[in-house]
Amino acid sequence: MDNLTFEEAYARLEMIVRQLETGQVTLEESLALFEEGVALTGKCLSLLDRAEARITVLTKSESGIIKEEPYEAMHLPGATAP
């Protein structure tokens, strides 16, 4: 699972959800799929956190100087600080 891309992990997670929603899997299979889904969710969140850390925001000061700042959710409209 360590080598999965975000897209691969997300696609597998979607497949697991579809399997569980059918109701055609045994209890043991359901538990195994659930555990895999939890691990995949963690993988996706980790990859998203790393991607977010790489994003920078360009800002322009009143004097016209443009500079890069690390991305923070507070830059988004309607976002609140954690």
PDB file of N, CA and C in Angstrom:
ATOM      1  N   MET A   1       0.827  -1.195   0.000  1.00  0.00           N
ATOM      2  CA  MET A   1       0.000   0.000   0.000  1.00  0.00           C
ATOM      3  C   MET A   1       0.870   1.258   0.000  1.00  0.00           C
ATOM      4  N   ASP A   2       2.109   1.125   0.416  1.00  0.00           N
ATOM      5  CA  ASP A   2       2.994   2.287   0.487  1.00  0.00           C
ATOM      6  C   ASP A   2       3.257   2.907  -0.879  1.00  0.00           C
ATOM      7  N   ASN A   3       3.205   2.099  -1.939  1.00  0.00           N
ATOM      8  CA  ASN A   3       3.542   2.606  -3.269  1.00  0.00           C
ATOM      9  C   ASN A   3       2.343   3.138  -4.042  1.00  0.00           C
ATOM     10  N   LEU A   4       1.167   3.117  -3.447  1.00  0.00           N
ATOM     11  CA  LEU A   4      -0.029   3.585  -4.143  1.00  0.00           C
ATOM     12  C   LEU A   4      -0.023   5.100  -4.307  1.00  0.00           C
ATOM     13  N   THR A   5      -0.486   5.543  -5.466  1.00  0.00           N
ATOM     14  CA  THR A   5      -0.714   6.972  -5.652  1.00  0.00           C
ATOM     15  C   THR A   5      -2.044   7.322  -4.994  1.00  0.00           C
ATOM     16  N   PHE A   6      -2.317   8.609  -4.865  1.00  0.00           N
ATOM     17  CA  PHE A   6      -3.596   9.033  -4.304  1.00  0.00           C
ATOM     18  C   PHE A   6      -4.744   8.478  -5.136  1.00  0.00           C
ATOM     19  N   GLU A   7      -4.616   8.591  -6.450  1.00  0.00           N
ATOM     20  CA  GLU A   7      -5.691   8.146  -7.335  1.00  0.00           C
ATOM     21  C   GLU A   7      -5.939   6.647  -7.208  1.00  0.00           C
ATOM     22  N   GLU A   8      -4.870   5.866  -7.102  1.00  0.00           N
ATOM     23  CA  GLU A   8      -5.021   4.416  -6.946  1.00  0.00           C
ATOM     24  C   GLU A   8      -5.680   4.065  -5.617  1.00  0.00           C
ATOM     25  N   ALA A   9      -5.237   4.710  -4.554  1.00  0.00           N
ATOM     26  CA  ALA A   9      -5.806   4.442  -3.230  1.00  0.00           C
ATOM     27  C   ALA A   9      -7.273   4.847  -3.188  1.00  0.00           C
ATOM     28  N   TYR A  10      -7.593   5.977  -3.778  1.00  0.00           N
ATOM     29  CA  TYR A  10      -8.978   6.458  -3.785  1.00  0.00           C
ATOM     30  C   TYR A  10      -9.877   5.531  -4.601  1.00  0.00           C
ATOM     31  N   ALA A  11      -9.372   5.072  -5.750  1.00  0.00           N
ATOM     32  CA  ALA A  11     -10.148   4.155  -6.591  1.00  0.00           C
ATOM     33  C   ALA A  11     -10.420   2.847  -5.851  1.00  0.00           C
ATOM     34  N   ARG A  12      -9.417   2.331  -5.151  1.00  0.00           N
ATOM     35  CA  ARG A  12      -9.612   1.100  -4.383  1.00  0.00           C
ATOM     36  C   ARG A  12     -10.610   1.340  -3.254  1.00  0.00           C
ATOM     37  N   LEU A  13     -10.537   2.476  -2.616  1.00  0.00           N
ATOM     38  CA  LEU A  13     -11.481   2.818  -1.550  1.00  0.00           C
ATOM     39  C   LEU A  13     -12.914   2.862  -2.097  1.00  0.00           C
ATOM     40  N   GLU A  14     -13.092   3.448  -3.264  1.00  0.00           N
ATOM     41  CA  GLU A  14     -14.418   3.474  -3.891  1.00  0.00           C
ATOM     42  C   GLU A  14     -14.921   2.062  -4.189  1.00  0.00           C
ATOM     43  N   MET A  15     -14.012   1.191  -4.647  1.00  0.00           N
ATOM     44  CA  MET A  15     -14.375  -0.186  -4.949  1.00  0.00           C
ATOM     45  C   MET A  15     -14.818  -0.920  -3.677  1.00  0.00           C
ATOM     46  N   ILE A  16     -14.111  -0.682  -2.594  1.00  0.00           N
ATOM     47  CA  ILE A  16     -14.458  -1.294  -1.313  1.00  0.00           C
ATOM     48  C   ILE A  16     -15.848  -0.845  -0.869  1.00  0.00           C
ATOM     49  N   VAL A  17     -16.120   0.435  -0.994  1.00  0.00           N
ATOM     50  CA  VAL A  17     -17.433   0.960  -0.604  1.00  0.00           C
ATOM     51  C   VAL A  17     -18.528   0.282  -1.422  1.00  0.00           C
ATOM     52  N   ARG A  18     -18.308   0.160  -2.737  1.00  0.00           N
ATOM     53  CA  ARG A  18     -19.310  -0.496  -3.587  1.00  0.00           C
ATOM     54  C   ARG A  18     -19.533  -1.946  -3.161  1.00  0.00           C
ATOM     55  N   GLN A  19     -18.433  -2.653  -2.843  1.00  0.00           N
ATOM     56  CA  GLN A  19     -18.561  -4.041  -2.402  1.00  0.00           C
ATOM     57  C   GLN A  19     -19.367  -4.136  -1.112  1.00  0.00           C
ATOM     58  N   LEU A  20     -19.057  -3.269  -0.165  1.00  0.00           N
ATOM     59  CA  LEU A  20     -19.764  -3.303   1.113  1.00  0.00           C
ATOM     60  C   LEU A  20     -21.238  -2.942   0.945  1.00  0.00           C
ATOM     61  N   GLU A  21     -21.528  -2.026   0.047  1.00  0.00           N
ATOM     62  CA  GLU A  21     -22.909  -1.594  -0.158  1.00  0.00           C
ATOM     63  C   GLU A  21     -23.783  -2.667  -0.798  1.00  0.00           C
ATOM     64  N   THR A  22     -23.171  -3.638  -1.480  1.00  0.00           N
ATOM     65  CA  THR A  22     -23.970  -4.692  -2.110  1.00  0.00           C
ATOM     66  C   THR A  22     -24.610  -5.607  -1.079  1.00  0.00           C
ATOM     67  N   GLY A  23     -23.973  -5.728   0.083  1.00  0.00           N
ATOM     68  CA  GLY A  23     -24.482  -6.643   1.096  1.00  0.00           C
ATOM     69  C   GLY A  23     -24.228  -8.098   0.747  1.00  0.00           C
ATOM     70  N   GLN A  24     -23.418  -8.346  -0.254  1.00  0.00           N
ATOM     71  CA  GLN A  24     -23.159  -9.705  -0.727  1.00  0.00           C
ATOM     72  C   GLN A  24     -21.838 -10.270  -0.216  1.00  0.00           C
ATOM     73  N   VAL A  25     -21.266  -9.669   0.809  1.00  0.00           N
ATOM     74  CA  VAL A  25     -20.012 -10.169   1.370  1.00  0.00           C
ATOM     75  C   VAL A  25     -20.271 -10.698   2.776  1.00  0.00           C
ATOM     76  N   THR A  26     -19.471 -11.674   3.152  1.00  0.00           N
ATOM     77  CA  THR A  26     -19.628 -12.258   4.481  1.00  0.00           C
ATOM     78  C   THR A  26     -19.152 -11.276   5.544  1.00  0.00           C
ATOM     79  N   LEU A  27     -19.434 -11.614   6.780  1.00  0.00           N
ATOM     80  CA  LEU A  27     -18.988 -10.773   7.890  1.00  0.00           C
ATOM     81  C   LEU A  27     -17.473 -10.650   7.890  1.00  0.00           C
ATOM     82  N   GLU A  28     -16.784 -11.770   7.726  1.00  0.00           N
ATOM     83  CA  GLU A  28     -15.317 -11.739   7.719  1.00  0.00           C
ATOM     84  C   GLU A  28     -14.787 -10.904   6.561  1.00  0.00           C
ATOM     85  N   GLU A  29     -15.384 -11.055   5.385  1.00  0.00           N
ATOM     86  CA  GLU A  29     -14.971 -10.249   4.234  1.00  0.00           C
ATOM     87  C   GLU A  29     -15.252  -8.771   4.488  1.00  0.00           C
ATOM     88  N   SER A  30     -16.383  -8.487   5.101  1.00  0.00           N
ATOM     89  CA  SER A  30     -16.736  -7.103   5.430  1.00  0.00           C
ATOM     90  C   SER A  30     -15.721  -6.487   6.374  1.00  0.00           C
ATOM     91  N   LEU A  31     -15.327  -7.245   7.387  1.00  0.00           N
ATOM     92  CA  LEU A  31     -14.333  -6.736   8.338  1.00  0.00           C
ATOM     93  C   LEU A  31     -12.993  -6.490   7.658  1.00  0.00           C
ATOM     94  N   ALA A  32     -12.578  -7.419   6.796  1.00  0.00           N
ATOM     95  CA  ALA A  32     -11.310  -7.251   6.080  1.00  0.00           C
ATOM     96  C   ALA A  32     -11.374  -6.033   5.162  1.00  0.00           C
ATOM     97  N   LEU A  33     -12.492  -5.866   4.463  1.00  0.00           N
ATOM     98  CA  LEU A  33     -12.648  -4.704   3.587  1.00  0.00           C
ATOM     99  C   LEU A  33     -12.673  -3.410   4.387  1.00  0.00           C
ATOM    100  N   PHE A  34     -13.354  -3.432   5.527  1.00  0.00           N
ATOM    101  CA  PHE A  34     -13.404  -2.251   6.391  1.00  0.00           C
ATOM    102  C   PHE A  34     -12.003  -1.865   6.848  1.00  0.00           C
ATOM    103  N   GLU A  35     -11.222  -2.847   7.296  1.00  0.00           N
ATOM    104  CA  GLU A  35      -9.857  -2.571   7.755  1.00  0.00           C
ATOM    105  C   GLU A  35      -9.004  -2.016   6.626  1.00  0.00           C
ATOM    106  N   GLU A  36      -9.142  -2.589   5.435  1.00  0.00           N
ATOM    107  CA  GLU A  36      -8.398  -2.073   4.286  1.00  0.00           C
ATOM    108  C   GLU A  36      -8.840  -0.646   3.971  1.00  0.00           C
ATOM    109  N   GLY A  37     -10.135  -0.400   4.069  1.00  0.00           N
ATOM    110  CA  GLY A  37     -10.658   0.940   3.815  1.00  0.00           C
ATOM    111  C   GLY A  37     -10.118   1.972   4.786  1.00  0.00           C
ATOM    112  N   VAL A  38     -10.016   1.596   6.054  1.00  0.00           N
ATOM    113  CA  VAL A  38      -9.455   2.508   7.061  1.00  0.00           C
ATOM    114  C   VAL A  38      -8.003   2.823   6.717  1.00  0.00           C
ATOM    115  N   ALA A  39      -7.237   1.797   6.339  1.00  0.00           N
ATOM    116  CA  ALA A  39      -5.832   2.013   5.972  1.00  0.00           C
ATOM    117  C   ALA A  39      -5.726   2.897   4.730  1.00  0.00           C
ATOM    118  N   LEU A  40      -6.584   2.659   3.752  1.00  0.00           N
ATOM    119  CA  LEU A  40      -6.566   3.474   2.535  1.00  0.00           C
ATOM    120  C   LEU A  40      -6.957   4.917   2.818  1.00  0.00           C
ATOM    121  N   THR A  41      -7.899   5.116   3.721  1.00  0.00           N
ATOM    122  CA  THR A  41      -8.292   6.473   4.105  1.00  0.00           C
ATOM    123  C   THR A  41      -7.109   7.203   4.722  1.00  0.00           C
ATOM    124  N   GLY A  42      -6.376   6.526   5.597  1.00  0.00           N
ATOM    125  CA  GLY A  42      -5.178   7.117   6.194  1.00  0.00           C
ATOM    126  C   GLY A  42      -4.141   7.465   5.144  1.00  0.00           C
ATOM    127  N   LYS A  43      -3.967   6.573   4.163  1.00  0.00           N
ATOM    128  CA  LYS A  43      -3.017   6.812   3.078  1.00  0.00           C
ATOM    129  C   LYS A  43      -3.427   8.049   2.274  1.00  0.00           C
ATOM    130  N   CYS A  44      -4.715   8.141   1.928  1.00  0.00           N
ATOM    131  CA  CYS A  44      -5.203   9.294   1.164  1.00  0.00           C
ATOM    132  C   CYS A  44      -5.007  10.593   1.943  1.00  0.00           C
ATOM    133  N   LEU A  45      -5.335  10.577   3.225  1.00  0.00           N
ATOM    134  CA  LEU A  45      -5.165  11.778   4.053  1.00  0.00           C
ATOM    135  C   LEU A  45      -3.701  12.189   4.139  1.00  0.00           C
ATOM    136  N   SER A  46      -2.817  11.211   4.281  1.00  0.00           N
ATOM    137  CA  SER A  46      -1.388  11.503   4.346  1.00  0.00           C
ATOM    138  C   SER A  46      -0.900  12.133   3.040  1.00  0.00           C
ATOM    139  N   LEU A  47      -1.327  11.569   1.919  1.00  0.00           N
ATOM    140  CA  LEU A  47      -0.927  12.119   0.623  1.00  0.00           C
ATOM    141  C   LEU A  47      -1.485  13.521   0.414  1.00  0.00           C
ATOM    142  N   LEU A  48      -2.709  13.763   0.852  1.00  0.00           N
ATOM    143  CA  LEU A  48      -3.286  15.107   0.743  1.00  0.00           C
ATOM    144  C   LEU A  48      -2.543  16.100   1.630  1.00  0.00           C
ATOM    145  N   ASP A  49      -2.167  15.681   2.833  1.00  0.00           N
ATOM    146  CA  ASP A  49      -1.395  16.558   3.723  1.00  0.00           C
ATOM    147  C   ASP A  49      -0.067  16.937   3.088  1.00  0.00           C
ATOM    148  N   ARG A  50       0.610  15.951   2.469  1.00  0.00           N
ATOM    149  CA  ARG A  50       1.887  16.242   1.816  1.00  0.00           C
ATOM    150  C   ARG A  50       1.699  17.175   0.622  1.00  0.00           C
ATOM    151  N   ALA A  51       0.629  16.985  -0.133  1.00  0.00           N
ATOM    152  CA  ALA A  51       0.364  17.863  -1.279  1.00  0.00           C
ATOM    153  C   ALA A  51       0.086  19.279  -0.802  1.00  0.00           C
ATOM    154  N   GLU A  52      -0.704  19.407   0.255  1.00  0.00           N
ATOM    155  CA  GLU A  52      -1.026  20.728   0.798  1.00  0.00           C
ATOM    156  C   GLU A  52       0.236  21.444   1.269  1.00  0.00           C
ATOM    157  N   ALA A  53       1.170  20.712   1.843  1.00  0.00           N
ATOM    158  CA  ALA A  53       2.406  21.315   2.336  1.00  0.00           C
ATOM    159  C   ALA A  53       3.255  21.868   1.193  1.00  0.00           C
ATOM    160  N   ARG A  54       3.050  21.362  -0.009  1.00  0.00           N
ATOM    161  CA  ARG A  54       3.834  21.816  -1.156  1.00  0.00           C
ATOM    162  C   ARG A  54       3.242  23.042  -1.838  1.00  0.00           C
ATOM    163  N   ILE A  55       2.026  23.389  -1.498  1.00  0.00           N
ATOM    164  CA  ILE A  55       1.350  24.511  -2.152  1.00  0.00           C
ATOM    165  C   ILE A  55       1.810  25.828  -1.537  1.00  0.00           C
ATOM    166  N   THR A  56       2.086  26.787  -2.391  1.00  0.00           N
ATOM    167  CA  THR A  56       2.418  28.126  -1.913  1.00  0.00           C
ATOM    168  C   THR A  56       1.415  29.111  -2.497  1.00  0.00           C
ATOM    169  N   VAL A  57       1.260  30.202  -1.819  1.00  0.00           N
ATOM    170  CA  VAL A  57       0.333  31.243  -2.242  1.00  0.00           C
ATOM    171  C   VAL A  57       1.145  32.489  -2.565  1.00  0.00           C
ATOM    172  N   LEU A  58       0.843  33.087  -3.708  1.00  0.00           N
ATOM    173  CA  LEU A  58       1.491  34.345  -4.061  1.00  0.00           C
ATOM    174  C   LEU A  58       0.646  35.483  -3.511  1.00  0.00           C
ATOM    175  N   THR A  59       1.299  36.387  -2.795  1.00  0.00           N
ATOM    176  CA  THR A  59       0.589  37.548  -2.262  1.00  0.00           C
ATOM    177  C   THR A  59       1.292  38.808  -2.740  1.00  0.00           C
ATOM    178  N   LYS A  60       0.517  39.870  -2.832  1.00  0.00           N
ATOM    179  CA  LYS A  60       1.070  41.148  -3.270  1.00  0.00           C
ATOM    180  C   LYS A  60       0.836  42.159  -2.158  1.00  0.00           C
ATOM    181  N   SER A  61       1.921  42.778  -1.717  1.00  0.00           N
ATOM    182  CA  SER A  61       1.808  43.767  -0.648  1.00  0.00           C
ATOM    183  C   SER A  61       1.274  45.085  -1.210  1.00  0.00           C
ATOM    184  N   GLU A  62       0.940  45.993  -0.306  1.00  0.00           N
ATOM    185  CA  GLU A  62       0.434  47.304  -0.733  1.00  0.00           C
ATOM    186  C   GLU A  62       1.461  48.050  -1.578  1.00  0.00           C
ATOM    187  N   SER A  63       2.743  47.771  -1.344  1.00  0.00           N
ATOM    188  CA  SER A  63       3.789  48.445  -2.114  1.00  0.00           C
ATOM    189  C   SER A  63       4.046  47.763  -3.456  1.00  0.00           C
ATOM    190  N   GLY A  64       3.291  46.696  -3.746  1.00  0.00           N
ATOM    191  CA  GLY A  64       3.415  46.040  -5.043  1.00  0.00           C
ATOM    192  C   GLY A  64       4.401  44.893  -5.086  1.00  0.00           C
ATOM    193  N   ILE A  65       5.006  44.571  -3.960  1.00  0.00           N
ATOM    194  CA  ILE A  65       5.972  43.476  -3.920  1.00  0.00           C
ATOM    195  C   ILE A  65       5.221  42.146  -3.840  1.00  0.00           C
ATOM    196  N   ILE A  66       5.586  41.240  -4.737  1.00  0.00           N
ATOM    197  CA  ILE A  66       4.964  39.913  -4.749  1.00  0.00           C
ATOM    198  C   ILE A  66       5.884  38.954  -4.006  1.00  0.00           C
ATOM    199  N   LYS A  67       5.292  38.165  -3.112  1.00  0.00           N
ATOM    200  CA  LYS A  67       6.087  37.185  -2.377  1.00  0.00           C
ATOM    201  C   LYS A  67       5.308  35.889  -2.231  1.00  0.00           C
ATOM    202  N   GLU A  68       6.050  34.810  -1.995  1.00  0.00           N
ATOM    203  CA  GLU A  68       5.446  33.504  -1.773  1.00  0.00           C
ATOM    204  C   GLU A  68       5.271  33.274  -0.286  1.00  0.00           C
ATOM    205  N   GLU A  69       4.126  32.700   0.066  1.00  0.00           N
ATOM    206  CA  GLU A  69       3.874  32.311   1.449  1.00  0.00           C
ATOM    207  C   GLU A  69       3.402  30.871   1.447  1.00  0.00           C
ATOM    208  N   PRO A  70       3.677  30.133   2.502  1.00  0.00           N
ATOM    209  CA  PRO A  70       3.143  28.772   2.577  1.00  0.00           C
ATOM    210  C   PRO A  70       1.626  28.808   2.583  1.00  0.00           C
ATOM    211  N   TYR A  71       1.028  27.804   1.971  1.00  0.00           N
ATOM    212  CA  TYR A  71      -0.423  27.686   1.955  1.00  0.00           C
ATOM    213  C   TYR A  71      -0.928  27.458   3.371  1.00  0.00           C
ATOM    214  N   GLU A  72      -1.985  28.118   3.712  1.00  0.00           N
ATOM    215  CA  GLU A  72      -2.691  27.873   4.967  1.00  0.00           C
ATOM    216  C   GLU A  72      -4.167  27.915   4.643  1.00  0.00           C
ATOM    217  N   ALA A  73      -4.941  27.077   5.277  1.00  0.00           N
ATOM    218  CA  ALA A  73      -6.377  27.019   5.011  1.00  0.00           C
ATOM    219  C   ALA A  73      -7.036  28.375   5.240  1.00  0.00           C
ATOM    220  N   MET A  74      -6.421  29.214   6.082  1.00  0.00           N
ATOM    221  CA  MET A  74      -7.000  30.523   6.376  1.00  0.00           C
ATOM    222  C   MET A  74      -7.053  31.413   5.143  1.00  0.00           C
ATOM    223  N   HIS A  75      -6.276  31.097   4.103  1.00  0.00           N
ATOM    224  CA  HIS A  75      -6.298  31.900   2.890  1.00  0.00           C
ATOM    225  C   HIS A  75      -7.569  31.674   2.079  1.00  0.00           C
ATOM    226  N   LEU A  76      -8.277  30.607   2.355  1.00  0.00           N
ATOM    227  CA  LEU A  76      -9.475  30.303   1.593  1.00  0.00           C
ATOM    228  C   LEU A  76     -10.670  31.073   2.137  1.00  0.00           C
ATOM    229  N   PRO A  77     -11.524  31.575   1.257  1.00  0.00           N
ATOM    230  CA  PRO A  77     -12.713  32.300   1.723  1.00  0.00           C
ATOM    231  C   PRO A  77     -13.580  31.402   2.601  1.00  0.00           C
ATOM    232  N   GLY A  78     -13.992  31.928   3.725  1.00  0.00           N
ATOM    233  CA  GLY A  78     -14.861  31.182   4.623  1.00  0.00           C
ATOM    234  C   GLY A  78     -14.159  30.186   5.519  1.00  0.00           C
ATOM    235  N   ALA A  79     -12.852  30.013   5.346  1.00  0.00           N
ATOM    236  CA  ALA A  79     -12.119  29.053   6.177  1.00  0.00           C
ATOM    237  C   ALA A  79     -11.810  29.672   7.525  1.00  0.00           C
ATOM    238  N   THR A  80     -11.738  28.836   8.516  1.00  0.00           N
ATOM    239  CA  THR A  80     -11.393  29.303   9.854  1.00  0.00           C
ATOM    240  C   THR A  80     -10.125  28.621  10.308  1.00  0.00           C
ATOM    241  N   ALA A  81      -9.443  29.240  11.214  1.00  0.00           N
ATOM    242  CA  ALA A  81      -8.204  28.674  11.747  1.00  0.00           C
ATOM    243  C   ALA A  81      -8.520  27.443  12.574  1.00  0.00           C
ATOM    244  N   PRO A  82      -7.607  26.440  12.554  1.00  0.00           N
ATOM    245  CA  PRO A  82      -7.843  25.228  13.342  1.00  0.00           C
ATOM    246  C   PRO A  82      -7.811  25.499  14.820  1.00  0.00           C
TER     247      PRO A  82
END
